[in-house]
């Protein structure tokens, strides 16, 4: 004959038990968190891709605006316009 209090915590998981209620709530919360976690991962990926693109664009702008490159570009433009 079993007496009350002899089982371990969490062993009693019958549908009406408090442990089953908490377990159900935990499963529900885990299921609800899947979507925000996936959305966050997607956002992180998008931010990473955008950062790489911006770094590339900034590097290109720096190369094009270096004093030597600017002088060459202005000289070429002047020759093309016949100035």
C-alpha atoms as a PDB file:
ATOM      1  CA  UNK A   1       0.000   0.000   0.000  1.00  0.00           C
ATOM      2  CA  UNK A   2       1.408   3.358  -1.022  1.00  0.00           C
ATOM      3  CA  UNK A   3       1.286   6.244   1.347  1.00  0.00           C
ATOM      4  CA  UNK A   4       1.195   9.920   0.563  1.00  0.00           C
ATOM      5  CA  UNK A   5       4.601  11.578   0.343  1.00  0.00           C
ATOM      6  CA  UNK A   6       6.581   8.441  -0.516  1.00  0.00           C
ATOM      7  CA  UNK A   7       6.938   9.235  -4.230  1.00  0.00           C
ATOM      8  CA  UNK A   8       9.506  11.573  -5.726  1.00  0.00           C
ATOM      9  CA  UNK A   9       8.588  15.043  -6.898  1.00  0.00           C
ATOM     10  CA  UNK A  10       7.284  14.965 -10.454  1.00  0.00           C
ATOM     11  CA  UNK A  11       6.480  11.239 -10.442  1.00  0.00           C
ATOM     12  CA  UNK A  12       2.726  11.816 -10.214  1.00  0.00           C
ATOM     13  CA  UNK A  13       1.740  12.917 -13.697  1.00  0.00           C
ATOM     14  CA  UNK A  14      -1.871  11.901 -13.912  1.00  0.00           C
ATOM     15  CA  UNK A  15      -4.029  14.284 -15.962  1.00  0.00           C
ATOM     16  CA  UNK A  16      -5.410  16.067 -12.899  1.00  0.00           C
ATOM     17  CA  UNK A  17      -2.147  16.359 -10.979  1.00  0.00           C
ATOM     18  CA  UNK A  18      -0.328  19.678 -10.492  1.00  0.00           C
ATOM     19  CA  UNK A  19       2.817  18.220 -12.126  1.00  0.00           C
ATOM     20  CA  UNK A  20       0.862  17.447 -15.299  1.00  0.00           C
ATOM     21  CA  UNK A  21      -0.471  21.017 -15.338  1.00  0.00           C
ATOM     22  CA  UNK A  22       3.019  22.498 -15.112  1.00  0.00           C
ATOM     23  CA  UNK A  23       4.335  20.087 -17.700  1.00  0.00           C
ATOM     24  CA  UNK A  24       1.536  21.067 -20.089  1.00  0.00           C
ATOM     25  CA  UNK A  25       2.173  24.771 -19.483  1.00  0.00           C
ATOM     26  CA  UNK A  26       5.880  24.275 -20.114  1.00  0.00           C
ATOM     27  CA  UNK A  27       5.211  22.429 -23.375  1.00  0.00           C
ATOM     28  CA  UNK A  28       2.809  25.179 -24.438  1.00  0.00           C
ATOM     29  CA  UNK A  29       5.385  27.887 -23.706  1.00  0.00           C
ATOM     30  CA  UNK A  30       8.094  25.982 -25.548  1.00  0.00           C
ATOM     31  CA  UNK A  31       5.843  25.666 -28.590  1.00  0.00           C
ATOM     32  CA  UNK A  32       5.013  29.384 -28.465  1.00  0.00           C
ATOM     33  CA  UNK A  33       8.705  30.322 -28.239  1.00  0.00           C
ATOM     34  CA  UNK A  34       9.646  28.423 -31.410  1.00  0.00           C
ATOM     35  CA  UNK A  35       8.271  31.134 -33.722  1.00  0.00           C
ATOM     36  CA  UNK A  36       9.991  34.099 -31.998  1.00  0.00           C
ATOM     37  CA  UNK A  37      13.256  32.141 -31.874  1.00  0.00           C
ATOM     38  CA  UNK A  38      13.081  31.424 -35.616  1.00  0.00           C
ATOM     39  CA  UNK A  39      12.162  35.044 -36.314  1.00  0.00           C
ATOM     40  CA  UNK A  40      15.099  36.254 -34.226  1.00  0.00           C
ATOM     41  CA  UNK A  41      17.489  33.917 -36.042  1.00  0.00           C
ATOM     42  CA  UNK A  42      16.177  35.211 -39.372  1.00  0.00           C
ATOM     43  CA  UNK A  43      16.652  38.778 -38.219  1.00  0.00           C
ATOM     44  CA  UNK A  44      20.195  38.037 -37.076  1.00  0.00           C
ATOM     45  CA  UNK A  45      20.981  36.492 -40.472  1.00  0.00           C
ATOM     46  CA  UNK A  46      19.509  39.502 -42.290  1.00  0.00           C
ATOM     47  CA  UNK A  47      21.479  41.944 -40.135  1.00  0.00           C
ATOM     48  CA  UNK A  48      24.664  39.964 -40.771  1.00  0.00           C
ATOM     49  CA  UNK A  49      24.105  39.980 -44.547  1.00  0.00           C
ATOM     50  CA  UNK A  50      23.323  43.703 -44.486  1.00  0.00           C
ATOM     51  CA  UNK A  51      26.454  44.392 -42.436  1.00  0.00           C
ATOM     52  CA  UNK A  52      28.598  42.521 -44.965  1.00  0.00           C
ATOM     53  CA  UNK A  53      27.006  44.466 -47.818  1.00  0.00           C
ATOM     54  CA  UNK A  54      27.498  47.804 -46.041  1.00  0.00           C
ATOM     55  CA  UNK A  55      31.131  46.952 -45.270  1.00  0.00           C
ATOM     56  CA  UNK A  56      31.676  46.168 -48.946  1.00  0.00           C
ATOM     57  CA  UNK A  57      29.999  49.425 -50.009  1.00  0.00           C
ATOM     58  CA  UNK A  58      32.005  51.500 -47.536  1.00  0.00           C
ATOM     59  CA  UNK A  59      35.229  49.852 -48.721  1.00  0.00           C
ATOM     60  CA  UNK A  60      34.323  50.649 -52.315  1.00  0.00           C
ATOM     61  CA  UNK A  61      33.564  54.272 -51.436  1.00  0.00           C
ATOM     62  CA  UNK A  62      36.876  54.596 -49.601  1.00  0.00           C
ATOM     63  CA  UNK A  63      38.783  53.242 -52.604  1.00  0.00           C
ATOM     64  CA  UNK A  64      36.981  55.593 -54.979  1.00  0.00           C
ATOM     65  CA  UNK A  65      37.549  58.664 -52.791  1.00  0.00           C
ATOM     66  CA  UNK A  66      41.241  58.180 -52.085  1.00  0.00           C
ATOM     67  CA  UNK A  67      43.103  61.338 -53.161  1.00  0.00           C
ATOM     68  CA  UNK A  68      45.060  59.573 -55.906  1.00  0.00           C
ATOM     69  CA  UNK A  69      41.984  57.861 -57.302  1.00  0.00           C
ATOM     70  CA  UNK A  70      39.964  61.072 -57.170  1.00  0.00           C
ATOM     71  CA  UNK A  71      42.701  62.909 -59.101  1.00  0.00           C
ATOM     72  CA  UNK A  72      42.803  60.178 -61.761  1.00  0.00           C
ATOM     73  CA  UNK A  73      39.010  60.182 -62.088  1.00  0.00           C
ATOM     74  CA  UNK A  74      38.870  63.992 -62.412  1.00  0.00           C
ATOM     75  CA  UNK A  75      41.629  63.960 -65.010  1.00  0.00           C
ATOM     76  CA  UNK A  76      39.880  61.264 -67.021  1.00  0.00           C
ATOM     77  CA  UNK A  77      36.575  63.142 -66.811  1.00  0.00           C
ATOM     78  CA  UNK A  78      38.250  66.346 -67.979  1.00  0.00           C
ATOM     79  CA  UNK A  79      39.791  64.521 -70.979  1.00  0.00           C
ATOM     80  CA  UNK A  80      36.433  62.992 -71.892  1.00  0.00           C
ATOM     81  CA  UNK A  81      34.729  66.378 -71.773  1.00  0.00           C
ATOM     82  CA  UNK A  82      37.539  68.043 -73.690  1.00  0.00           C
ATOM     83  CA  UNK A  83      38.438  70.453 -70.926  1.00  0.00           C
END
